PDB file of N, CA and C in Angstrom:
ATOM      1  N   MET A   1      44.661  96.030 135.104  1.00  0.00           N
ATOM      2  CA  MET A   1      44.523  94.409 134.718  1.00  0.00           C
ATOM      3  C   MET A   1      43.363  94.162 133.900  1.00  0.00           C
ATOM      4  N   SER A   2      43.798  93.237 132.921  1.00  0.00           N
ATOM      5  CA  SER A   2      42.705  93.143 131.745  1.00  0.00           C
ATOM      6  C   SER A   2      42.036  91.972 132.329  1.00  0.00           C
ATOM      7  N   ASP A   3      42.284  91.179 133.237  1.00  0.00           N
ATOM      8  CA  ASP A   3      41.563  89.862 133.771  1.00  0.00           C
ATOM      9  C   ASP A   3      40.191  90.522 134.427  1.00  0.00           C
ATOM     10  N   PRO A   4      38.777  90.073 134.049  1.00  0.00           N
ATOM     11  CA  PRO A   4      37.845  90.687 134.440  1.00  0.00           C
ATOM     12  C   PRO A   4      37.555  90.146 135.878  1.00  0.00           C
ATOM     13  N   ARG A   5      38.127  89.196 136.462  1.00  0.00           N
ATOM     14  CA  ARG A   5      37.978  88.860 137.836  1.00  0.00           C
ATOM     15  C   ARG A   5      38.457  89.784 138.738  1.00  0.00           C
ATOM     16  N   TYR A   6      39.492  90.585 138.276  1.00  0.00           N
ATOM     17  CA  TYR A   6      40.248  91.474 139.200  1.00  0.00           C
ATOM     18  C   TYR A   6      40.278  92.941 138.543  1.00  0.00           C
ATOM     19  N   GLN A   7      39.197  93.496 138.952  1.00  0.00           N
ATOM     20  CA  GLN A   7      38.786  94.867 138.232  1.00  0.00           C
ATOM     21  C   GLN A   7      38.376  95.756 139.306  1.00  0.00           C
ATOM     22  N   VAL A   8      39.402  96.552 139.880  1.00  0.00           N
ATOM     23  CA  VAL A   8      39.045  97.371 140.973  1.00  0.00           C
ATOM     24  C   VAL A   8      39.400  98.812 140.571  1.00  0.00           C
ATOM     25  N   ASP A   9      38.473  99.684 140.439  1.00  0.00           N
ATOM     26  CA  ASP A   9      38.496 101.067 140.040  1.00  0.00           C
ATOM     27  C   ASP A   9      38.431 102.044 141.259  1.00  0.00           C
ATOM     28  N   VAL A  10      39.289 103.207 141.228  1.00  0.00           N
ATOM     29  CA  VAL A  10      39.494 104.210 142.004  1.00  0.00           C
ATOM     30  C   VAL A  10      39.080 105.355 141.672  1.00  0.00           C
ATOM     31  N   SER A  11      38.358 106.211 142.363  1.00  0.00           N
ATOM     32  CA  SER A  11      38.101 107.482 142.129  1.00  0.00           C
ATOM     33  C   SER A  11      38.291 108.341 143.234  1.00  0.00           C
ATOM     34  N   VAL A  12      38.689 109.805 142.980  1.00  0.00           N
ATOM     35  CA  VAL A  12      39.233 110.527 144.043  1.00  0.00           C
ATOM     36  C   VAL A  12      38.463 111.846 143.979  1.00  0.00           C
ATOM     37  N   ALA A  13      38.054 112.582 145.113  1.00  0.00           N
ATOM     38  CA  ALA A  13      37.437 113.877 145.231  1.00  0.00           C
ATOM     39  C   ALA A  13      38.442 114.604 146.263  1.00  0.00           C
ATOM     40  N   THR A  14      38.798 115.859 145.776  1.00  0.00           N
ATOM     41  CA  THR A  14      39.742 116.446 146.803  1.00  0.00           C
ATOM     42  C   THR A  14      39.137 117.854 147.136  1.00  0.00           C
ATOM     43  N   ARG A  15      39.704 118.400 148.122  1.00  0.00           N
ATOM     44  CA  ARG A  15      39.294 119.763 148.450  1.00  0.00           C
ATOM     45  C   ARG A  15      40.363 120.353 149.586  1.00  0.00           C
ATOM     46  N   TYR A  16      40.633 121.687 149.677  1.00  0.00           N
ATOM     47  CA  TYR A  16      41.558 122.493 150.008  1.00  0.00           C
ATOM     48  C   TYR A  16      40.913 122.570 151.247  1.00  0.00           C
ATOM     49  N   LEU A  17      41.510 122.555 152.591  1.00  0.00           N
ATOM     50  CA  LEU A  17      41.220 122.775 153.928  1.00  0.00           C
ATOM     51  C   LEU A  17      41.932 124.193 154.445  1.00  0.00           C
ATOM     52  N   PRO A  18      41.341 125.400 154.071  1.00  0.00           N
ATOM     53  CA  PRO A  18      42.044 126.703 154.689  1.00  0.00           C
ATOM     54  C   PRO A  18      42.026 126.683 156.032  1.00  0.00           C
ATOM     55  N   GLU A  19      41.077 126.088 156.805  1.00  0.00           N
ATOM     56  CA  GLU A  19      41.145 126.163 158.400  1.00  0.00           C
ATOM     57  C   GLU A  19      42.293 125.440 159.104  1.00  0.00           C
ATOM     58  N   GLN A  20      43.001 124.504 158.160  1.00  0.00           N
ATOM     59  CA  GLN A  20      44.144 123.759 158.821  1.00  0.00           C
ATOM     60  C   GLN A  20      45.193 124.048 157.898  1.00  0.00           C
ATOM     61  N   SER A  21      45.234 124.915 157.255  1.00  0.00           N
ATOM     62  CA  SER A  21      46.499 125.621 156.458  1.00  0.00           C
ATOM     63  C   SER A  21      47.178 126.871 157.153  1.00  0.00           C
ATOM     64  N   GLU A  22      48.340 126.927 156.953  1.00  0.00           N
ATOM     65  CA  GLU A  22      49.049 128.243 157.267  1.00  0.00           C
ATOM     66  C   GLU A  22      49.987 128.639 156.085  1.00  0.00           C
ATOM     67  N   PRO A  23      49.246 129.157 155.053  1.00  0.00           N
ATOM     68  CA  PRO A  23      50.038 129.889 153.967  1.00  0.00           C
ATOM     69  C   PRO A  23      51.412 130.364 154.167  1.00  0.00           C
ATOM     70  N   GLU A  24      51.318 131.102 155.210  1.00  0.00           N
ATOM     71  CA  GLU A  24      52.462 132.028 155.485  1.00  0.00           C
ATOM     72  C   GLU A  24      53.630 131.133 155.948  1.00  0.00           C
ATOM     73  N   GLN A  25      53.442 129.823 156.532  1.00  0.00           N
ATOM     74  CA  GLN A  25      54.285 128.895 156.888  1.00  0.00           C
ATOM     75  C   GLN A  25      54.656 127.784 155.905  1.00  0.00           C
ATOM     76  N   ASN A  26      54.032 128.137 154.509  1.00  0.00           N
ATOM     77  CA  ASN A  26      54.030 126.933 153.510  1.00  0.00           C
ATOM     78  C   ASN A  26      53.604 125.593 153.953  1.00  0.00           C
ATOM     79  N   ARG A  27      52.500 125.750 154.609  1.00  0.00           N
ATOM     80  CA  ARG A  27      51.512 124.495 155.021  1.00  0.00           C
ATOM     81  C   ARG A  27      50.321 124.345 154.671  1.00  0.00           C
ATOM     82  N   PHE A  28      49.922 123.719 153.628  1.00  0.00           N
ATOM     83  CA  PHE A  28      48.733 123.613 152.741  1.00  0.00           C
ATOM     84  C   PHE A  28      48.051 122.216 152.974  1.00  0.00           C
ATOM     85  N   ALA A  29      46.906 122.328 153.519  1.00  0.00           N
ATOM     86  CA  ALA A  29      46.262 120.980 154.097  1.00  0.00           C
ATOM     87  C   ALA A  29      45.216 120.738 153.192  1.00  0.00           C
ATOM     88  N   PHE A  30      44.983 119.402 152.597  1.00  0.00           N
ATOM     89  CA  PHE A  30      44.090 118.859 151.656  1.00  0.00           C
ATOM     90  C   PHE A  30      43.393 117.622 152.267  1.00  0.00           C
ATOM     91  N   ALA A  31      42.065 117.567 152.060  1.00  0.00           N
ATOM     92  CA  ALA A  31      41.328 116.353 152.054  1.00  0.00           C
ATOM     93  C   ALA A  31      41.198 115.687 150.932  1.00  0.00           C
ATOM     94  N   TYR A  32      41.041 114.410 150.954  1.00  0.00           N
ATOM     95  CA  TYR A  32      40.601 113.482 149.772  1.00  0.00           C
ATOM     96  C   TYR A  32      39.801 112.490 150.200  1.00  0.00           C
ATOM     97  N   THR A  33      38.504 112.239 149.378  1.00  0.00           N
ATOM     98  CA  THR A  33      37.687 111.258 149.539  1.00  0.00           C
ATOM     99  C   THR A  33      37.746 110.070 148.426  1.00  0.00           C
ATOM    100  N   VAL A  34      38.070 108.978 148.777  1.00  0.00           N
ATOM    101  CA  VAL A  34      38.450 107.882 147.909  1.00  0.00           C
ATOM    102  C   VAL A  34      37.262 106.920 147.685  1.00  0.00           C
ATOM    103  N   THR A  35      36.739 106.547 146.489  1.00  0.00           N
ATOM    104  CA  THR A  35      36.100 105.559 146.455  1.00  0.00           C
ATOM    105  C   THR A  35      36.547 104.398 145.737  1.00  0.00           C
ATOM    106  N   VAL A  36      36.608 103.264 146.165  1.00  0.00           N
ATOM    107  CA  VAL A  36      37.130 101.963 145.699  1.00  0.00           C
ATOM    108  C   VAL A  36      36.294 101.107 145.171  1.00  0.00           C
ATOM    109  N   THR A  37      35.989 100.984 144.042  1.00  0.00           N
ATOM    110  CA  THR A  37      34.915 100.067 143.561  1.00  0.00           C
ATOM    111  C   THR A  37      35.498  98.757 142.933  1.00  0.00           C
ATOM    112  N   ASN A  38      34.892  97.855 143.319  1.00  0.00           N
ATOM    113  CA  ASN A  38      35.089  96.398 142.938  1.00  0.00           C
ATOM    114  C   ASN A  38      34.232  95.996 141.680  1.00  0.00           C
ATOM    115  N   ASN A  39      34.727  96.210 140.478  1.00  0.00           N
ATOM    116  CA  ASN A  39      34.268  96.031 139.241  1.00  0.00           C
ATOM    117  C   ASN A  39      34.431  94.608 138.920  1.00  0.00           C
ATOM    118  N   GLY A  40      35.186  93.922 139.356  1.00  0.00           N
ATOM    119  CA  GLY A  40      35.507  92.570 139.149  1.00  0.00           C
ATOM    120  C   GLY A  40      34.532  91.494 139.521  1.00  0.00           C
ATOM    121  N   GLN A  41      34.960  90.256 139.195  1.00  0.00           N
ATOM    122  CA  GLN A  41      33.953  89.004 139.369  1.00  0.00           C
ATOM    123  C   GLN A  41      34.141  88.438 140.818  1.00  0.00           C
ATOM    124  N   LEU A  42      35.274  88.919 141.515  1.00  0.00           N
ATOM    125  CA  LEU A  42      35.448  88.103 142.769  1.00  0.00           C
ATOM    126  C   LEU A  42      35.545  89.246 143.896  1.00  0.00           C
ATOM    127  N   SER A  43      35.123  88.822 145.218  1.00  0.00           N
ATOM    128  CA  SER A  43      35.317  89.917 146.241  1.00  0.00           C
ATOM    129  C   SER A  43      36.984  89.922 146.430  1.00  0.00           C
ATOM    130  N   ALA A  44      37.400  91.174 147.030  1.00  0.00           N
ATOM    131  CA  ALA A  44      38.616  91.341 147.205  1.00  0.00           C
ATOM    132  C   ALA A  44      38.842  91.966 148.596  1.00  0.00           C
ATOM    133  N   GLN A  45      40.115  92.066 149.179  1.00  0.00           N
ATOM    134  CA  GLN A  45      40.390  92.690 150.441  1.00  0.00           C
ATOM    135  C   GLN A  45      41.374  93.684 149.967  1.00  0.00           C
ATOM    136  N   LEU A  46      41.210  95.113 150.444  1.00  0.00           N
ATOM    137  CA  LEU A  46      42.419  95.945 150.344  1.00  0.00           C
ATOM    138  C   LEU A  46      43.332  95.653 151.634  1.00  0.00           C
ATOM    139  N   LEU A  47      44.582  95.224 151.189  1.00  0.00           N
ATOM    140  CA  LEU A  47      45.686  95.122 152.162  1.00  0.00           C
ATOM    141  C   LEU A  47      46.415  96.102 152.492  1.00  0.00           C
ATOM    142  N   SER A  48      46.986  97.016 151.544  1.00  0.00           N
ATOM    143  CA  SER A  48      47.908  97.988 151.641  1.00  0.00           C
ATOM    144  C   SER A  48      47.874  99.068 150.602  1.00  0.00           C
ATOM    145  N   ARG A  49      48.514 100.202 150.957  1.00  0.00           N
ATOM    146  CA  ARG A  49      48.355 101.298 150.175  1.00  0.00           C
ATOM    147  C   ARG A  49      49.965 101.656 149.713  1.00  0.00           C
ATOM    148  N   HIS A  50      50.159 102.323 148.673  1.00  0.00           N
ATOM    149  CA  HIS A  50      51.237 103.191 148.401  1.00  0.00           C
ATOM    150  C   HIS A  50      51.066 104.244 147.529  1.00  0.00           C
ATOM    151  N   TRP A  51      51.322 105.496 148.236  1.00  0.00           N
ATOM    152  CA  TRP A  51      51.103 106.799 147.548  1.00  0.00           C
ATOM    153  C   TRP A  51      52.340 107.548 147.163  1.00  0.00           C
ATOM    154  N   VAL A  52      52.269 108.036 146.226  1.00  0.00           N
ATOM    155  CA  VAL A  52      53.483 108.965 145.843  1.00  0.00           C
ATOM    156  C   VAL A  52      52.964 110.336 145.602  1.00  0.00           C
ATOM    157  N   ILE A  53      53.245 111.281 146.455  1.00  0.00           N
ATOM    158  CA  ILE A  53      52.903 112.656 146.573  1.00  0.00           C
ATOM    159  C   ILE A  53      54.064 113.593 146.125  1.00  0.00           C
ATOM    160  N   THR A  54      53.640 114.233 145.012  1.00  0.00           N
ATOM    161  CA  THR A  54      54.612 115.165 144.612  1.00  0.00           C
ATOM    162  C   THR A  54      54.165 116.733 144.688  1.00  0.00           C
ATOM    163  N   ASP A  55      55.110 117.657 145.402  1.00  0.00           N
ATOM    164  CA  ASP A  55      54.536 118.799 145.546  1.00  0.00           C
ATOM    165  C   ASP A  55      54.965 119.698 144.376  1.00  0.00           C
ATOM    166  N   GLY A  56      54.509 121.018 144.334  1.00  0.00           N
ATOM    167  CA  GLY A  56      54.642 121.800 143.132  1.00  0.00           C
ATOM    168  C   GLY A  56      56.167 122.053 143.033  1.00  0.00           C
ATOM    169  N   ASP A  57      57.232 121.650 144.054  1.00  0.00           N
ATOM    170  CA  ASP A  57      58.552 122.015 143.613  1.00  0.00           C
ATOM    171  C   ASP A  57      59.269 120.851 143.389  1.00  0.00           C
ATOM    172  N   GLY A  58      58.244 119.728 143.250  1.00  0.00           N
ATOM    173  CA  GLY A  58      59.011 118.539 142.709  1.00  0.00           C
ATOM    174  C   GLY A  58      59.454 117.496 143.654  1.00  0.00           C
ATOM    175  N   ARG A  59      59.253 118.098 144.819  1.00  0.00           N
ATOM    176  CA  ARG A  59      59.714 117.273 146.087  1.00  0.00           C
ATOM    177  C   ARG A  59      58.652 115.988 146.150  1.00  0.00           C
ATOM    178  N   VAL A  60      59.161 114.833 146.401  1.00  0.00           N
ATOM    179  CA  VAL A  60      58.397 113.561 146.462  1.00  0.00           C
ATOM    180  C   VAL A  60      58.394 113.066 147.763  1.00  0.00           C
ATOM    181  N   GLN A  61      57.338 112.652 147.977  1.00  0.00           N
ATOM    182  CA  GLN A  61      57.084 111.725 149.317  1.00  0.00           C
ATOM    183  C   GLN A  61      56.333 110.528 149.037  1.00  0.00           C
ATOM    184  N   GLU A  62      56.907 109.270 149.730  1.00  0.00           N
ATOM    185  CA  GLU A  62      56.346 108.225 149.464  1.00  0.00           C
ATOM    186  C   GLU A  62      55.581 107.622 150.782  1.00  0.00           C
ATOM    187  N   VAL A  63      54.449 107.092 150.687  1.00  0.00           N
ATOM    188  CA  VAL A  63      53.650 106.565 151.822  1.00  0.00           C
ATOM    189  C   VAL A  63      53.274 105.260 151.663  1.00  0.00           C
ATOM    190  N   ARG A  64      53.793 104.227 152.427  1.00  0.00           N
ATOM    191  CA  ARG A  64      53.274 102.859 152.302  1.00  0.00           C
ATOM    192  C   ARG A  64      52.786 102.421 153.536  1.00  0.00           C
ATOM    193  N   GLY A  65      51.839 101.491 153.584  1.00  0.00           N
ATOM    194  CA  GLY A  65      51.207 101.262 154.971  1.00  0.00           C
ATOM    195  C   GLY A  65      50.087 100.180 154.903  1.00  0.00           C
ATOM    196  N   ALA A  66      49.917  99.685 155.747  1.00  0.00           N
ATOM    197  CA  ALA A  66      48.692  98.548 155.718  1.00  0.00           C
ATOM    198  C   ALA A  66      47.244  99.229 155.683  1.00  0.00           C
ATOM    199  N   GLY A  67      46.669  98.925 155.047  1.00  0.00           N
ATOM    200  CA  GLY A  67      45.201  99.126 154.717  1.00  0.00           C
ATOM    201  C   GLY A  67      44.977 100.738 154.338  1.00  0.00           C
ATOM    202  N   VAL A  68      43.852 101.162 154.639  1.00  0.00           N
ATOM    203  CA  VAL A  68      43.535 102.703 154.779  1.00  0.00           C
ATOM    204  C   VAL A  68      42.619 103.082 155.892  1.00  0.00           C
ATOM    205  N   VAL A  69      43.280 104.123 156.457  1.00  0.00           N
ATOM    206  CA  VAL A  69      42.592 104.750 157.728  1.00  0.00           C
ATOM    207  C   VAL A  69      42.252 103.486 158.599  1.00  0.00           C
ATOM    208  N   GLY A  70      43.287 102.799 158.983  1.00  0.00           N
ATOM    209  CA  GLY A  70      43.286 101.778 159.725  1.00  0.00           C
ATOM    210  C   GLY A  70      42.289 100.421 159.473  1.00  0.00           C
ATOM    211  N   GLU A  71      41.794 100.426 158.317  1.00  0.00           N
ATOM    212  CA  GLU A  71      40.978  99.346 158.030  1.00  0.00           C
ATOM    213  C   GLU A  71      41.745  98.753 156.626  1.00  0.00           C
ATOM    214  N   GLN A  72      41.128  97.421 156.578  1.00  0.00           N
ATOM    215  CA  GLN A  72      41.414  96.455 155.321  1.00  0.00           C
ATOM    216  C   GLN A  72      40.277  95.922 154.876  1.00  0.00           C
ATOM    217  N   PRO A  73      39.547  96.713 154.236  1.00  0.00           N
ATOM    218  CA  PRO A  73      38.173  96.586 153.938  1.00  0.00           C
ATOM    219  C   PRO A  73      37.892  95.454 152.743  1.00  0.00           C
ATOM    220  N   HIS A  74      37.060  94.435 153.051  1.00  0.00           N
ATOM    221  CA  HIS A  74      36.542  93.503 152.209  1.00  0.00           C
ATOM    222  C   HIS A  74      35.561  94.115 151.246  1.00  0.00           C
ATOM    223  N   ILE A  75      35.710  94.066 149.860  1.00  0.00           N
ATOM    224  CA  ILE A  75      34.690  94.669 148.771  1.00  0.00           C
ATOM    225  C   ILE A  75      34.375  93.564 148.078  1.00  0.00           C
ATOM    226  N   ALA A  76      33.014  93.317 148.082  1.00  0.00           N
ATOM    227  CA  ALA A  76      32.426  92.273 147.271  1.00  0.00           C
ATOM    228  C   ALA A  76      32.333  92.804 145.928  1.00  0.00           C
ATOM    229  N   ALA A  77      32.092  91.863 145.113  1.00  0.00           N
ATOM    230  CA  ALA A  77      31.968  92.377 143.554  1.00  0.00           C
ATOM    231  C   ALA A  77      30.766  93.125 143.511  1.00  0.00           C
ATOM    232  N   GLY A  78      31.172  94.108 142.866  1.00  0.00           N
ATOM    233  CA  GLY A  78      29.860  95.106 142.651  1.00  0.00           C
ATOM    234  C   GLY A  78      29.499  96.023 143.803  1.00  0.00           C
ATOM    235  N   GLN A  79      30.534  96.110 144.743  1.00  0.00           N
ATOM    236  CA  GLN A  79      30.372  97.114 145.692  1.00  0.00           C
ATOM    237  C   GLN A  79      31.586  97.921 145.900  1.00  0.00           C
ATOM    238  N   SER A  80      31.381  98.927 146.834  1.00  0.00           N
ATOM    239  CA  SER A  80      32.444 100.098 146.882  1.00  0.00           C
ATOM    240  C   SER A  80      32.557 100.326 148.319  1.00  0.00           C
ATOM    241  N   HIS A  81      33.800 100.848 148.456  1.00  0.00           N
ATOM    242  CA  HIS A  81      34.125 101.308 149.825  1.00  0.00           C
ATOM    243  C   HIS A  81      34.669 102.634 149.790  1.00  0.00           C
ATOM    244  N   THR A  82      34.089 103.479 150.524  1.00  0.00           N
ATOM    245  CA  THR A  82      34.493 104.997 150.534  1.00  0.00           C
ATOM    246  C   THR A  82      35.138 105.426 151.775  1.00  0.00           C
ATOM    247  N   TYR A  83      36.329 106.058 151.582  1.00  0.00           N
ATOM    248  CA  TYR A  83      36.648 106.728 153.078  1.00  0.00           C
ATOM    249  C   TYR A  83      37.387 107.962 152.712  1.00  0.00           C
ATOM    250  N   SER A  84      37.729 108.784 153.754  1.00  0.00           N
ATOM    251  CA  SER A  84      38.454 110.270 153.555  1.00  0.00           C
ATOM    252  C   SER A  84      39.603 110.256 154.411  1.00  0.00           C
ATOM    253  N   SER A  85      40.781 110.907 153.790  1.00  0.00           N
ATOM    254  CA  SER A  85      41.792 111.159 154.670  1.00  0.00           C
ATOM    255  C   SER A  85      42.528 112.515 154.209  1.00  0.00           C
ATOM    256  N   GLY A  86      43.796 112.586 154.422  1.00  0.00           N
ATOM    257  CA  GLY A  86      44.173 114.268 154.242  1.00  0.00           C
ATOM    258  C   GLY A  86      45.965 114.114 154.087  1.00  0.00           C
ATOM    259  N   THR A  87      46.254 115.181 153.544  1.00  0.00           N
ATOM    260  CA  THR A  87      47.619 115.468 153.529  1.00  0.00           C
ATOM    261  C   THR A  87      48.049 116.850 153.643  1.00  0.00           C
ATOM    262  N   LEU A  88      49.436 116.964 153.976  1.00  0.00           N
ATOM    263  CA  LEU A  88      49.854 118.304 154.115  1.00  0.00           C
ATOM    264  C   LEU A  88      51.009 118.380 153.075  1.00  0.00           C
ATOM    265  N   MET A  89      51.143 119.668 152.316  1.00  0.00           N
ATOM    266  CA  MET A  89      52.156 119.953 151.410  1.00  0.00           C
ATOM    267  C   MET A  89      52.730 121.362 151.808  1.00  0.00           C
ATOM    268  N   ALA A  90      53.952 121.517 151.198  1.00  0.00           N
ATOM    269  CA  ALA A  90      54.534 122.708 151.422  1.00  0.00           C
ATOM    270  C   ALA A  90      54.435 123.768 150.247  1.00  0.00           C
ATOM    271  N   THR A  91      53.455 123.203 149.168  1.00  0.00           N
ATOM    272  CA  THR A  91      53.258 124.153 148.083  1.00  0.00           C
ATOM    273  C   THR A  91      51.709 124.163 147.987  1.00  0.00           C
ATOM    274  N   ARG A  92      51.353 125.338 147.093  1.00  0.00           N
ATOM    275  CA  ARG A  92      49.766 125.235 146.826  1.00  0.00           C
ATOM    276  C   ARG A  92      49.192 124.306 145.900  1.00  0.00           C
ATOM    277  N   VAL A  93      50.182 123.760 145.051  1.00  0.00           N
ATOM    278  CA  VAL A  93      49.844 122.676 144.221  1.00  0.00           C
ATOM    279  C   VAL A  93      50.499 121.302 144.226  1.00  0.00           C
ATOM    280  N   GLY A  94      49.918 120.263 143.974  1.00  0.00           N
ATOM    281  CA  GLY A  94      50.739 119.109 144.044  1.00  0.00           C
ATOM    282  C   GLY A  94      49.834 117.824 143.266  1.00  0.00           C
ATOM    283  N   ILE A  95      50.402 116.804 143.283  1.00  0.00           N
ATOM    284  CA  ILE A  95      49.728 115.712 142.678  1.00  0.00           C
ATOM    285  C   ILE A  95      50.034 114.427 143.499  1.00  0.00           C
ATOM    286  N   MET A  96      48.927 113.573 143.738  1.00  0.00           N
ATOM    287  CA  MET A  96      49.014 112.319 144.286  1.00  0.00           C
ATOM    288  C   MET A  96      48.805 111.176 143.329  1.00  0.00           C
ATOM    289  N   GLN A  97      49.290 110.187 143.338  1.00  0.00           N
ATOM    290  CA  GLN A  97      49.043 109.008 142.780  1.00  0.00           C
ATOM    291  C   GLN A  97      49.383 107.636 143.399  1.00  0.00           C
ATOM    292  N   GLY A  98      49.034 106.416 143.119  1.00  0.00           N
ATOM    293  CA  GLY A  98      49.684 105.459 143.788  1.00  0.00           C
ATOM    294  C   GLY A  98      48.923 104.133 143.242  1.00  0.00           C
ATOM    295  N   SER A  99      48.827 103.146 144.556  1.00  0.00           N
ATOM    296  CA  SER A  99      48.116 102.011 144.059  1.00  0.00           C
ATOM    297  C   SER A  99      47.604 101.193 145.474  1.00  0.00           C
ATOM    298  N   TYR A 100      46.710 100.321 145.400  1.00  0.00           N
ATOM    299  CA  TYR A 100      46.279  99.532 146.570  1.00  0.00           C
ATOM    300  C   TYR A 100      46.680  98.122 146.145  1.00  0.00           C
ATOM    301  N   GLN A 101      47.185  97.586 147.226  1.00  0.00           N
ATOM    302  CA  GLN A 101      47.510  96.062 146.909  1.00  0.00           C
ATOM    303  C   GLN A 101      46.332  95.270 147.572  1.00  0.00           C
ATOM    304  N   MET A 102      45.843  94.559 146.541  1.00  0.00           N
ATOM    305  CA  MET A 102      44.488  93.922 146.720  1.00  0.00           C
ATOM    306  C   MET A 102      44.845  92.258 146.880  1.00  0.00           C
ATOM    307  N   LEU A 103      43.788  91.453 147.645  1.00  0.00           N
ATOM    308  CA  LEU A 103      43.875  90.110 147.673  1.00  0.00           C
ATOM    309  C   LEU A 103      42.419  89.675 147.467  1.00  0.00           C
ATOM    310  N   ALA A 104      42.406  89.040 146.293  1.00  0.00           N
ATOM    311  CA  ALA A 104      41.104  88.382 145.775  1.00  0.00           C
ATOM    312  C   ALA A 104      40.581  87.032 146.497  1.00  0.00           C
ATOM    313  N   GLU A 105      39.324  86.960 146.695  1.00  0.00           N
ATOM    314  CA  GLU A 105      38.895  85.704 147.298  1.00  0.00           C
ATOM    315  C   GLU A 105      39.452  84.419 146.907  1.00  0.00           C
ATOM    316  N   ASP A 106      39.987  84.330 145.727  1.00  0.00           N
ATOM    317  CA  ASP A 106      40.718  82.948 145.261  1.00  0.00           C
ATOM    318  C   ASP A 106      42.195  82.823 145.641  1.00  0.00           C
ATOM    319  N   GLY A 107      42.784  84.043 146.366  1.00  0.00           N
ATOM    320  CA  GLY A 107      44.085  83.789 146.920  1.00  0.00           C
ATOM    321  C   GLY A 107      45.110  84.752 145.836  1.00  0.00           C
ATOM    322  N   LYS A 108      44.557  85.246 144.917  1.00  0.00           N
ATOM    323  CA  LYS A 108      45.425  86.118 143.847  1.00  0.00           C
ATOM    324  C   LYS A 108      45.704  87.462 144.399  1.00  0.00           C
ATOM    325  N   ARG A 109      46.867  87.980 144.490  1.00  0.00           N
ATOM    326  CA  ARG A 109      47.191  89.350 144.790  1.00  0.00           C
ATOM    327  C   ARG A 109      47.245  90.222 143.453  1.00  0.00           C
ATOM    328  N   PHE A 110      46.708  91.437 143.408  1.00  0.00           N
ATOM    329  CA  PHE A 110      46.896  92.226 142.483  1.00  0.00           C
ATOM    330  C   PHE A 110      46.999  93.573 142.927  1.00  0.00           C
ATOM    331  N   ASP A 111      47.259  94.495 141.988  1.00  0.00           N
ATOM    332  CA  ASP A 111      47.371  96.090 142.288  1.00  0.00           C
ATOM    333  C   ASP A 111      46.130  96.696 141.625  1.00  0.00           C
ATOM    334  N   ALA A 112      45.723  97.692 142.398  1.00  0.00           N
ATOM    335  CA  ALA A 112      44.629  98.380 141.824  1.00  0.00           C
ATOM    336  C   ALA A 112      45.161  99.887 141.728  1.00  0.00           C
ATOM    337  N   SER A 113      45.575 100.404 140.470  1.00  0.00           N
ATOM    338  CA  SER A 113      46.175 101.639 140.458  1.00  0.00           C
ATOM    339  C   SER A 113      45.273 102.937 140.662  1.00  0.00           C
ATOM    340  N   ILE A 114      45.691 103.694 141.217  1.00  0.00           N
ATOM    341  CA  ILE A 114      45.161 105.353 141.357  1.00  0.00           C
ATOM    342  C   ILE A 114      45.746 106.386 140.627  1.00  0.00           C
ATOM    343  N   ALA A 115      45.084 106.667 139.633  1.00  0.00           N
ATOM    344  CA  ALA A 115      45.438 107.527 138.408  1.00  0.00           C
ATOM    345  C   ALA A 115      46.037 108.805 139.183  1.00  0.00           C
ATOM    346  N   PRO A 116      46.779 109.741 138.740  1.00  0.00           N
ATOM    347  CA  PRO A 116      47.408 111.046 139.309  1.00  0.00           C
ATOM    348  C   PRO A 116      46.145 112.115 139.410  1.00  0.00           C
ATOM    349  N   PHE A 117      45.981 112.639 140.498  1.00  0.00           N
ATOM    350  CA  PHE A 117      45.025 113.826 140.702  1.00  0.00           C
ATOM    351  C   PHE A 117      45.724 114.789 141.278  1.00  0.00           C
ATOM    352  N   ARG A 118      44.920 116.038 141.173  1.00  0.00           N
ATOM    353  CA  ARG A 118      45.642 117.338 141.461  1.00  0.00           C
ATOM    354  C   ARG A 118      45.244 117.692 142.873  1.00  0.00           C
ATOM    355  N   LEU A 119      45.930 118.201 143.683  1.00  0.00           N
ATOM    356  CA  LEU A 119      45.695 118.788 144.753  1.00  0.00           C
ATOM    357  C   LEU A 119      45.931 120.542 144.565  1.00  0.00           C
ATOM    358  N   ALA A 120      44.881 121.414 145.004  1.00  0.00           N
ATOM    359  CA  ALA A 120      45.376 122.566 144.479  1.00  0.00           C
ATOM    360  C   ALA A 120      44.461 123.702 145.243  1.00  0.00           C
ATOM    361  N   VAL A 121      45.150 124.643 145.906  1.00  0.00           N
ATOM    362  CA  VAL A 121      44.481 125.768 146.375  1.00  0.00           C
ATOM    363  C   VAL A 121      43.594 126.332 145.549  1.00  0.00           C
ATOM    364  N   PRO A 122      42.450 126.726 145.855  1.00  0.00           N
ATOM    365  CA  PRO A 122      41.416 127.412 144.582  1.00  0.00           C
ATOM    366  C   PRO A 122      42.194 128.748 144.284  1.00  0.00           C
ATOM    367  N   GLY A 123      42.074 128.983 143.060  1.00  0.00           N
ATOM    368  CA  GLY A 123      42.721 130.185 142.274  1.00  0.00           C
ATOM    369  C   GLY A 123      44.429 130.052 142.073  1.00  0.00           C
ATOM    370  N   ALA A 124      44.983 128.751 142.664  1.00  0.00           N
ATOM    371  CA  ALA A 124      46.292 128.754 142.476  1.00  0.00           C
ATOM    372  C   ALA A 124      46.614 128.364 141.025  1.00  0.00           C
ATOM    373  N   LEU A 125      45.808 127.754 140.362  1.00  0.00           N
ATOM    374  CA  LEU A 125      46.047 127.565 138.908  1.00  0.00           C
ATOM    375  C   LEU A 125      45.217 128.351 138.086  1.00  0.00           C
ATOM    376  N   HIS A 126      45.598 128.754 136.970  1.00  0.00           N
ATOM    377  CA  HIS A 126      44.707 129.544 136.055  1.00  0.00           C
ATOM    378  C   HIS A 126      43.917 128.840 135.190  1.00  0.00           C
TER     379      HIS A 126
END
């Protein structure tokens, strides 16, 4: 969104969880840590999430729900909220992307997009 009042940026760091994975069963566990930074001029609350998870075979799973990890954080202008979560996939490589639905302090609802990011078992990609 180009309006400077509603500027929320999202960054993601991922890691493979071998201790929770069962490759012989096509079960690959990944953790991701998300930082939601309010670079806008107004405080905003994260109301809900929408994830699109695509595995290496092209299967798509959509996840929608209230908040993140049971919270609907208020993020003041210039502040960030960080949380960690995880997902399971049936392939060694996949992509996640999506959006957060936000509510600014002035009552305006807007989306904060989450750019696609890769989930990959180390060594799965050349």
